[in-house]
């Protein structure tokens, strides 16, 4: 993982040609969205910064059948998986709103693509704060302009303003929020989701046409990352209104 750590900036994502051309992107897979790419990319940058031997709670994480390409097991961390569903074989079967652990027992908490699936994210943030030790880090990924997906339910999408205000009210400090892609990433993900839906129906019927669509969308993914990484797009009031979601890092004082 050393090479990935050298590629990724710890301040903000910079999707240069080296990053976009890396195996991480999986551009030719319709089922690998740019949303999932951003989630993987966020964790590839931030998890290696956790001290070796840290006790980490992966809240809502999958111990088996992991999604995406990031695998926290590759790092020298002591990971406890907590999930509502026993079918995912968690170490701890628990509701995220009532984590059955004592106070201040974890060095870090990873909460990836979970908070849209709970009816009250603030309650979960309070629980995370409770189980974190002082100076412990919280890593969050949450979608924004991304399709509704049940697990078992999908409750909400919230802006970066909401997350900053909520985390501050709970007590977190040093809050860093990244917009994960802008207008073009959102647009390409919508097109890929539509193409993936049609492909599962066996459409178009021509295998050659399906291959051309995959190639075109792969080029679209690379184009989207390059365009959305442009500094002028981040300053542009139009492009900046769109994002696939947010990557958030916060610390318990």
C-alpha atoms as a PDB file:
ATOM      1  CA  UNK A   1       0.000   0.000   0.000  1.00  0.00           C
ATOM      2  CA  UNK A   2       3.018   2.312   0.183  1.00  0.00           C
ATOM      3  CA  UNK A   3       2.628   3.422  -3.441  1.00  0.00           C
ATOM      4  CA  UNK A   4      -1.012   4.354  -2.899  1.00  0.00           C
ATOM      5  CA  UNK A   5      -0.062   6.408   0.130  1.00  0.00           C
ATOM      6  CA  UNK A   6       2.463   8.290  -1.996  1.00  0.00           C
ATOM      7  CA  UNK A   7      -0.180   9.007  -4.638  1.00  0.00           C
ATOM      8  CA  UNK A   8      -2.867  10.354  -2.348  1.00  0.00           C
ATOM      9  CA  UNK A   9      -2.604  13.790  -0.752  1.00  0.00           C
ATOM     10  CA  UNK A  10      -3.562  13.933   2.911  1.00  0.00           C
ATOM     11  CA  UNK A  11      -5.065  17.401   2.515  1.00  0.00           C
ATOM     12  CA  UNK A  12      -7.554  16.973  -0.302  1.00  0.00           C
ATOM     13  CA  UNK A  13      -7.986  14.556  -3.209  1.00  0.00           C
ATOM     14  CA  UNK A  14      -6.034  15.510  -6.328  1.00  0.00           C
ATOM     15  CA  UNK A  15      -7.032  13.178  -9.133  1.00  0.00           C
ATOM     16  CA  UNK A  16      -3.990  13.561 -11.365  1.00  0.00           C
ATOM     17  CA  UNK A  17      -3.253  11.344 -14.346  1.00  0.00           C
ATOM     18  CA  UNK A  18      -1.406   8.807 -12.183  1.00  0.00           C
ATOM     19  CA  UNK A  19      -4.384   8.373  -9.868  1.00  0.00           C
ATOM     20  CA  UNK A  20      -6.958   8.265 -12.661  1.00  0.00           C
ATOM     21  CA  UNK A  21      -4.934   5.642 -14.519  1.00  0.00           C
ATOM     22  CA  UNK A  22      -4.453   3.432 -11.472  1.00  0.00           C
ATOM     23  CA  UNK A  23      -6.222   0.067 -11.012  1.00  0.00           C
ATOM     24  CA  UNK A  24      -8.249   1.696  -8.227  1.00  0.00           C
ATOM     25  CA  UNK A  25     -10.639   3.349 -10.684  1.00  0.00           C
ATOM     26  CA  UNK A  26     -12.015   0.144 -12.312  1.00  0.00           C
ATOM     27  CA  UNK A  27     -13.350   2.345 -15.116  1.00  0.00           C
ATOM     28  CA  UNK A  28     -14.585  -0.537 -17.286  1.00  0.00           C
ATOM     29  CA  UNK A  29     -16.911  -1.955 -14.610  1.00  0.00           C
ATOM     30  CA  UNK A  30     -20.475  -0.648 -14.769  1.00  0.00           C
ATOM     31  CA  UNK A  31     -21.084  -1.918 -11.237  1.00  0.00           C
ATOM     32  CA  UNK A  32     -18.129   0.097  -9.860  1.00  0.00           C
ATOM     33  CA  UNK A  33     -19.499   3.608  -9.523  1.00  0.00           C
ATOM     34  CA  UNK A  34     -17.512   6.782  -9.087  1.00  0.00           C
ATOM     35  CA  UNK A  35     -19.259   7.016  -5.713  1.00  0.00           C
ATOM     36  CA  UNK A  36     -17.626   3.749  -4.666  1.00  0.00           C
ATOM     37  CA  UNK A  37     -14.317   4.956  -6.124  1.00  0.00           C
ATOM     38  CA  UNK A  38     -14.430   8.068  -3.923  1.00  0.00           C
ATOM     39  CA  UNK A  39     -15.224   5.989  -0.834  1.00  0.00           C
ATOM     40  CA  UNK A  40     -12.294   3.643  -1.553  1.00  0.00           C
ATOM     41  CA  UNK A  41      -9.984   6.575  -2.306  1.00  0.00           C
ATOM     42  CA  UNK A  42     -10.902   8.345   0.939  1.00  0.00           C
ATOM     43  CA  UNK A  43     -10.109   5.308   3.070  1.00  0.00           C
ATOM     44  CA  UNK A  44      -6.900   4.526   1.168  1.00  0.00           C
ATOM     45  CA  UNK A  45      -5.657   7.980   2.174  1.00  0.00           C
ATOM     46  CA  UNK A  46      -6.870   8.241   5.754  1.00  0.00           C
ATOM     47  CA  UNK A  47      -6.786   4.768   7.314  1.00  0.00           C
ATOM     48  CA  UNK A  48      -2.985   4.404   6.892  1.00  0.00           C
ATOM     49  CA  UNK A  49      -2.558   7.502   9.089  1.00  0.00           C
ATOM     50  CA  UNK A  50      -4.054   5.664  12.094  1.00  0.00           C
ATOM     51  CA  UNK A  51      -1.342   4.497  14.518  1.00  0.00           C
ATOM     52  CA  UNK A  52      -0.347   0.856  14.223  1.00  0.00           C
ATOM     53  CA  UNK A  53      -2.216  -1.348  16.687  1.00  0.00           C
ATOM     54  CA  UNK A  54      -5.157   1.046  17.044  1.00  0.00           C
ATOM     55  CA  UNK A  55      -8.446  -0.482  18.125  1.00  0.00           C
ATOM     56  CA  UNK A  56     -10.888   0.490  15.374  1.00  0.00           C
ATOM     57  CA  UNK A  57     -14.661   0.135  15.289  1.00  0.00           C
ATOM     58  CA  UNK A  58     -15.950  -0.439  11.747  1.00  0.00           C
ATOM     59  CA  UNK A  59     -19.534   0.630  12.344  1.00  0.00           C
ATOM     60  CA  UNK A  60     -21.860  -0.885   9.766  1.00  0.00           C
ATOM     61  CA  UNK A  61     -18.891  -2.495   8.036  1.00  0.00           C
ATOM     62  CA  UNK A  62     -18.827  -5.824   6.246  1.00  0.00           C
ATOM     63  CA  UNK A  63     -16.533  -8.465   7.681  1.00  0.00           C
ATOM     64  CA  UNK A  64     -17.337 -10.681   4.699  1.00  0.00           C
ATOM     65  CA  UNK A  65     -18.311  -9.851   1.103  1.00  0.00           C
ATOM     66  CA  UNK A  66     -16.711  -6.419   1.300  1.00  0.00           C
ATOM     67  CA  UNK A  67     -17.748  -3.755  -1.154  1.00  0.00           C
ATOM     68  CA  UNK A  68     -15.250  -1.886  -3.276  1.00  0.00           C
ATOM     69  CA  UNK A  69     -11.498  -2.364  -3.214  1.00  0.00           C
ATOM     70  CA  UNK A  70     -10.523  -1.022   0.191  1.00  0.00           C
ATOM     71  CA  UNK A  71      -9.906  -3.647   2.875  1.00  0.00           C
ATOM     72  CA  UNK A  72      -9.093  -2.419   6.377  1.00  0.00           C
ATOM     73  CA  UNK A  73      -7.747  -5.896   7.205  1.00  0.00           C
ATOM     74  CA  UNK A  74      -4.601  -5.072   5.220  1.00  0.00           C
ATOM     75  CA  UNK A  75      -3.428  -2.688   7.918  1.00  0.00           C
ATOM     76  CA  UNK A  76      -1.888  -3.350  11.321  1.00  0.00           C
ATOM     77  CA  UNK A  77      -5.051  -2.430  13.177  1.00  0.00           C
ATOM     78  CA  UNK A  78      -7.296  -4.299  15.597  1.00  0.00           C
ATOM     79  CA  UNK A  79     -10.689  -4.089  13.911  1.00  0.00           C
ATOM     80  CA  UNK A  80     -14.071  -4.752  15.516  1.00  0.00           C
ATOM     81  CA  UNK A  81     -16.926  -5.043  13.023  1.00  0.00           C
ATOM     82  CA  UNK A  82     -20.325  -3.893  14.270  1.00  0.00           C
ATOM     83  CA  UNK A  83     -23.457  -4.482  12.239  1.00  0.00           C
ATOM     84  CA  UNK A  84     -27.183  -4.754  12.774  1.00  0.00           C
ATOM     85  CA  UNK A  85     -27.377  -7.950  10.720  1.00  0.00           C
ATOM     86  CA  UNK A  86     -25.831 -11.210  11.849  1.00  0.00           C
ATOM     87  CA  UNK A  87     -25.734 -12.488   8.256  1.00  0.00           C
ATOM     88  CA  UNK A  88     -22.728 -10.177   7.733  1.00  0.00           C
ATOM     89  CA  UNK A  89     -20.925 -12.027  10.542  1.00  0.00           C
ATOM     90  CA  UNK A  90     -20.001  -8.988  12.645  1.00  0.00           C
ATOM     91  CA  UNK A  91     -17.911  -9.263  15.783  1.00  0.00           C
ATOM     92  CA  UNK A  92     -20.604  -7.217  17.482  1.00  0.00           C
ATOM     93  CA  UNK A  93     -24.269  -7.344  16.485  1.00  0.00           C
ATOM     94  CA  UNK A  94     -25.686  -3.999  17.535  1.00  0.00           C
ATOM     95  CA  UNK A  95     -27.795  -1.048  16.486  1.00  0.00           C
ATOM     96  CA  UNK A  96     -25.628   1.940  15.549  1.00  0.00           C
ATOM     97  CA  UNK A  97     -27.868   4.120  17.712  1.00  0.00           C
ATOM     98  CA  UNK A  98     -27.147   1.974  20.794  1.00  0.00           C
ATOM     99  CA  UNK A  99     -23.606   0.630  20.500  1.00  0.00           C
ATOM    100  CA  UNK A 100     -23.200  -2.077  23.104  1.00  0.00           C
ATOM    101  CA  UNK A 101     -19.695  -1.052  24.185  1.00  0.00           C
ATOM    102  CA  UNK A 102     -18.348   0.782  27.190  1.00  0.00           C
ATOM    103  CA  UNK A 103     -17.332   4.455  27.039  1.00  0.00           C
ATOM    104  CA  UNK A 104     -14.051   5.521  25.457  1.00  0.00           C
ATOM    105  CA  UNK A 105     -12.859   2.124  24.279  1.00  0.00           C
ATOM    106  CA  UNK A 106     -11.901   2.751  20.611  1.00  0.00           C
ATOM    107  CA  UNK A 107      -9.006   4.692  19.112  1.00  0.00           C
ATOM    108  CA  UNK A 108     -10.903   5.302  15.871  1.00  0.00           C
ATOM    109  CA  UNK A 109     -14.305   4.713  14.304  1.00  0.00           C
ATOM    110  CA  UNK A 110     -14.981   4.139  10.616  1.00  0.00           C
ATOM    111  CA  UNK A 111     -18.541   4.914   9.552  1.00  0.00           C
ATOM    112  CA  UNK A 112     -18.706   4.330   5.810  1.00  0.00           C
ATOM    113  CA  UNK A 113     -21.929   4.689   3.788  1.00  0.00           C
ATOM    114  CA  UNK A 114     -24.019   3.995   6.895  1.00  0.00           C
ATOM    115  CA  UNK A 115     -25.559   7.242   8.106  1.00  0.00           C
ATOM    116  CA  UNK A 116     -27.996   7.531   5.201  1.00  0.00           C
ATOM    117  CA  UNK A 117     -29.510   4.264   6.441  1.00  0.00           C
ATOM    118  CA  UNK A 118     -30.377   5.451   9.950  1.00  0.00           C
ATOM    119  CA  UNK A 119     -33.446   7.576  10.805  1.00  0.00           C
ATOM    120  CA  UNK A 120     -31.517   9.907  13.138  1.00  0.00           C
ATOM    121  CA  UNK A 121     -27.799  10.367  12.308  1.00  0.00           C
ATOM    122  CA  UNK A 122     -27.278  12.694  15.292  1.00  0.00           C
ATOM    123  CA  UNK A 123     -28.050   9.855  17.727  1.00  0.00           C
ATOM    124  CA  UNK A 124     -25.399   7.698  16.025  1.00  0.00           C
ATOM    125  CA  UNK A 125     -22.846  10.517  16.151  1.00  0.00           C
ATOM    126  CA  UNK A 126     -23.431  10.855  19.906  1.00  0.00           C
ATOM    127  CA  UNK A 127     -22.857   7.111  20.332  1.00  0.00           C
ATOM    128  CA  UNK A 128     -19.676   7.252  18.276  1.00  0.00           C
ATOM    129  CA  UNK A 129     -18.443  10.157  20.393  1.00  0.00           C
ATOM    130  CA  UNK A 130     -19.158   8.169  23.549  1.00  0.00           C
ATOM    131  CA  UNK A 131     -17.165   5.089  22.524  1.00  0.00           C
ATOM    132  CA  UNK A 132     -14.207   7.065  21.145  1.00  0.00           C
ATOM    133  CA  UNK A 133     -11.209   7.747  23.315  1.00  0.00           C
ATOM    134  CA  UNK A 134      -9.841  11.296  23.650  1.00  0.00           C
ATOM    135  CA  UNK A 135      -7.971  12.331  20.476  1.00  0.00           C
ATOM    136  CA  UNK A 136      -9.716   9.492  18.632  1.00  0.00           C
ATOM    137  CA  UNK A 137     -10.570   9.957  14.957  1.00  0.00           C
ATOM    138  CA  UNK A 138     -13.869   9.463  13.171  1.00  0.00           C
ATOM    139  CA  UNK A 139     -13.863   8.724   9.426  1.00  0.00           C
ATOM    140  CA  UNK A 140     -17.199   9.125   7.643  1.00  0.00           C
ATOM    141  CA  UNK A 141     -18.318   8.673   4.045  1.00  0.00           C
ATOM    142  CA  UNK A 142     -21.892   9.604   3.140  1.00  0.00           C
ATOM    143  CA  UNK A 143     -23.610   9.910  -0.253  1.00  0.00           C
ATOM    144  CA  UNK A 144     -25.452  12.988  -1.451  1.00  0.00           C
ATOM    145  CA  UNK A 145     -26.489  12.960  -5.123  1.00  0.00           C
ATOM    146  CA  UNK A 146     -26.610   9.200  -5.423  1.00  0.00           C
ATOM    147  CA  UNK A 147     -29.478   6.817  -6.053  1.00  0.00           C
ATOM    148  CA  UNK A 148     -31.720   5.559  -3.241  1.00  0.00           C
ATOM    149  CA  UNK A 149     -30.562   2.144  -2.029  1.00  0.00           C
ATOM    150  CA  UNK A 150     -32.086   0.092   0.776  1.00  0.00           C
ATOM    151  CA  UNK A 151     -29.957  -1.557   3.462  1.00  0.00           C
ATOM    152  CA  UNK A 152     -32.636  -2.229   4.679  1.00  0.00           C
ATOM    153  CA  UNK A 153     -33.908   1.382   4.300  1.00  0.00           C
ATOM    154  CA  UNK A 154     -32.529   4.629   2.924  1.00  0.00           C
ATOM    155  CA  UNK A 155     -33.596   7.630   4.994  1.00  0.00           C
ATOM    156  CA  UNK A 156     -31.815  10.764   3.890  1.00  0.00           C
ATOM    157  CA  UNK A 157     -29.266  12.916   2.121  1.00  0.00           C
ATOM    158  CA  UNK A 158     -27.674  15.822   3.975  1.00  0.00           C
ATOM    159  CA  UNK A 159     -25.437  18.715   2.950  1.00  0.00           C
ATOM    160  CA  UNK A 160     -21.937  19.437   4.193  1.00  0.00           C
ATOM    161  CA  UNK A 161     -23.392  22.283   6.261  1.00  0.00           C
ATOM    162  CA  UNK A 162     -25.565  19.796   8.111  1.00  0.00           C
ATOM    163  CA  UNK A 163     -22.653  17.488   8.854  1.00  0.00           C
ATOM    164  CA  UNK A 164     -20.376  20.261  10.107  1.00  0.00           C
ATOM    165  CA  UNK A 165     -23.055  21.735  12.371  1.00  0.00           C
ATOM    166  CA  UNK A 166     -24.064  18.318  13.713  1.00  0.00           C
ATOM    167  CA  UNK A 167     -20.500  17.205  14.424  1.00  0.00           C
ATOM    168  CA  UNK A 168     -19.713  20.491  16.169  1.00  0.00           C
ATOM    169  CA  UNK A 169     -22.827  20.211  18.333  1.00  0.00           C
ATOM    170  CA  UNK A 170     -21.885  16.672  19.361  1.00  0.00           C
ATOM    171  CA  UNK A 171     -18.439  17.934  20.372  1.00  0.00           C
ATOM    172  CA  UNK A 172     -16.080  16.951  17.573  1.00  0.00           C
ATOM    173  CA  UNK A 173     -13.240  19.249  16.526  1.00  0.00           C
ATOM    174  CA  UNK A 174     -10.810  19.556  13.580  1.00  0.00           C
ATOM    175  CA  UNK A 175     -13.644  18.716  11.184  1.00  0.00           C
ATOM    176  CA  UNK A 176     -12.516  18.261   7.572  1.00  0.00           C
ATOM    177  CA  UNK A 177     -15.168  17.761   4.889  1.00  0.00           C
ATOM    178  CA  UNK A 178     -14.357  16.865   1.288  1.00  0.00           C
ATOM    179  CA  UNK A 179     -16.785  17.029  -1.615  1.00  0.00           C
ATOM    180  CA  UNK A 180     -16.290  13.763  -3.455  1.00  0.00           C
ATOM    181  CA  UNK A 181     -16.670  14.691  -7.090  1.00  0.00           C
ATOM    182  CA  UNK A 182     -18.750  17.500  -8.569  1.00  0.00           C
ATOM    183  CA  UNK A 183     -21.178  17.861 -11.476  1.00  0.00           C
ATOM    184  CA  UNK A 184     -19.482  15.522 -13.948  1.00  0.00           C
ATOM    185  CA  UNK A 185     -19.073  12.684 -11.460  1.00  0.00           C
ATOM    186  CA  UNK A 186     -22.756  12.879 -10.564  1.00  0.00           C
ATOM    187  CA  UNK A 187     -23.769  12.903 -14.233  1.00  0.00           C
ATOM    188  CA  UNK A 188     -21.538   9.981 -15.226  1.00  0.00           C
ATOM    189  CA  UNK A 189     -22.695   7.907 -12.255  1.00  0.00           C
ATOM    190  CA  UNK A 190     -26.304   8.406 -13.314  1.00  0.00           C
ATOM    191  CA  UNK A 191     -25.489   7.255 -16.853  1.00  0.00           C
ATOM    192  CA  UNK A 192     -23.543   4.246 -15.546  1.00  0.00           C
ATOM    193  CA  UNK A 193     -26.394   3.254 -13.237  1.00  0.00           C
ATOM    194  CA  UNK A 194     -28.835   3.397 -16.157  1.00  0.00           C
ATOM    195  CA  UNK A 195     -26.498   1.344 -18.385  1.00  0.00           C
ATOM    196  CA  UNK A 196     -25.968  -1.199 -15.592  1.00  0.00           C
ATOM    197  CA  UNK A 197     -29.724  -1.505 -15.095  1.00  0.00           C
ATOM    198  CA  UNK A 198     -30.259  -2.131 -18.812  1.00  0.00           C
ATOM    199  CA  UNK A 199     -27.366  -4.593 -19.005  1.00  0.00           C
ATOM    200  CA  UNK A 200     -28.973  -6.711 -16.291  1.00  0.00           C
ATOM    201  CA  UNK A 201     -32.061  -6.844 -18.510  1.00  0.00           C
ATOM    202  CA  UNK A 202     -29.886  -8.008 -21.419  1.00  0.00           C
ATOM    203  CA  UNK A 203     -30.201  -4.717 -23.273  1.00  0.00           C
ATOM    204  CA  UNK A 204     -29.056  -3.676 -25.755  1.00  0.00           C
ATOM    205  CA  UNK A 205     -29.239  -7.141 -27.282  1.00  0.00           C
ATOM    206  CA  UNK A 206     -26.067  -6.660 -29.283  1.00  0.00           C
ATOM    207  CA  UNK A 207     -22.974  -7.654 -27.280  1.00  0.00           C
ATOM    208  CA  UNK A 208     -20.884  -5.367 -29.499  1.00  0.00           C
ATOM    209  CA  UNK A 209     -23.077  -2.373 -28.650  1.00  0.00           C
ATOM    210  CA  UNK A 210     -22.878  -3.197 -24.947  1.00  0.00           C
ATOM    211  CA  UNK A 211     -19.073  -3.284 -25.161  1.00  0.00           C
ATOM    212  CA  UNK A 212     -19.016   0.116 -26.868  1.00  0.00           C
ATOM    213  CA  UNK A 213     -21.236   1.561 -24.153  1.00  0.00           C
ATOM    214  CA  UNK A 214     -18.865   0.238 -21.458  1.00  0.00           C
ATOM    215  CA  UNK A 215     -15.881   1.751 -23.259  1.00  0.00           C
ATOM    216  CA  UNK A 216     -17.638   5.092 -23.682  1.00  0.00           C
ATOM    217  CA  UNK A 217     -18.620   5.218 -20.018  1.00  0.00           C
ATOM    218  CA  UNK A 218     -15.087   4.238 -18.956  1.00  0.00           C
ATOM    219  CA  UNK A 219     -13.830   7.278 -20.837  1.00  0.00           C
ATOM    220  CA  UNK A 220     -16.593   9.280 -19.190  1.00  0.00           C
ATOM    221  CA  UNK A 221     -15.399   8.257 -15.714  1.00  0.00           C
ATOM    222  CA  UNK A 222     -11.846   9.366 -16.446  1.00  0.00           C
ATOM    223  CA  UNK A 223     -13.074  12.619 -17.951  1.00  0.00           C
ATOM    224  CA  UNK A 224     -15.326  13.286 -14.948  1.00  0.00           C
ATOM    225  CA  UNK A 225     -12.478  12.874 -12.458  1.00  0.00           C
ATOM    226  CA  UNK A 226     -10.217  15.210 -14.424  1.00  0.00           C
ATOM    227  CA  UNK A 227     -12.874  17.875 -14.873  1.00  0.00           C
ATOM    228  CA  UNK A 228     -14.082  17.750 -11.272  1.00  0.00           C
ATOM    229  CA  UNK A 229     -10.499  18.064  -9.987  1.00  0.00           C
ATOM    230  CA  UNK A 230     -10.014  21.393 -11.752  1.00  0.00           C
ATOM    231  CA  UNK A 231      -9.579  24.282  -9.322  1.00  0.00           C
ATOM    232  CA  UNK A 232     -11.823  26.563 -11.392  1.00  0.00           C
ATOM    233  CA  UNK A 233     -14.648  24.000 -11.186  1.00  0.00           C
ATOM    234  CA  UNK A 234     -14.369  23.945  -7.392  1.00  0.00           C
ATOM    235  CA  UNK A 235     -14.746  27.728  -7.398  1.00  0.00           C
ATOM    236  CA  UNK A 236     -17.539  27.712  -9.968  1.00  0.00           C
ATOM    237  CA  UNK A 237     -20.966  28.310  -8.352  1.00  0.00           C
ATOM    238  CA  UNK A 238     -22.649  25.903 -10.785  1.00  0.00           C
ATOM    239  CA  UNK A 239     -20.317  22.881 -10.697  1.00  0.00           C
ATOM    240  CA  UNK A 240     -19.844  23.242  -6.940  1.00  0.00           C
ATOM    241  CA  UNK A 241     -23.565  22.684  -6.294  1.00  0.00           C
ATOM    242  CA  UNK A 242     -23.251  19.005  -7.192  1.00  0.00           C
ATOM    243  CA  UNK A 243     -21.401  16.178  -5.486  1.00  0.00           C
ATOM    244  CA  UNK A 244     -21.727  12.398  -5.174  1.00  0.00           C
ATOM    245  CA  UNK A 245     -21.207  12.739  -1.425  1.00  0.00           C
ATOM    246  CA  UNK A 246     -18.801  13.689   1.335  1.00  0.00           C
ATOM    247  CA  UNK A 247     -15.708  12.305   3.004  1.00  0.00           C
ATOM    248  CA  UNK A 248     -15.397  13.559   6.584  1.00  0.00           C
ATOM    249  CA  UNK A 249     -12.673  13.362   9.212  1.00  0.00           C
ATOM    250  CA  UNK A 250     -13.266  14.604  12.766  1.00  0.00           C
ATOM    251  CA  UNK A 251     -11.555  14.262  16.133  1.00  0.00           C
ATOM    252  CA  UNK A 252     -12.807  13.857  19.673  1.00  0.00           C
ATOM    253  CA  UNK A 253     -10.918  16.395  21.854  1.00  0.00           C
END
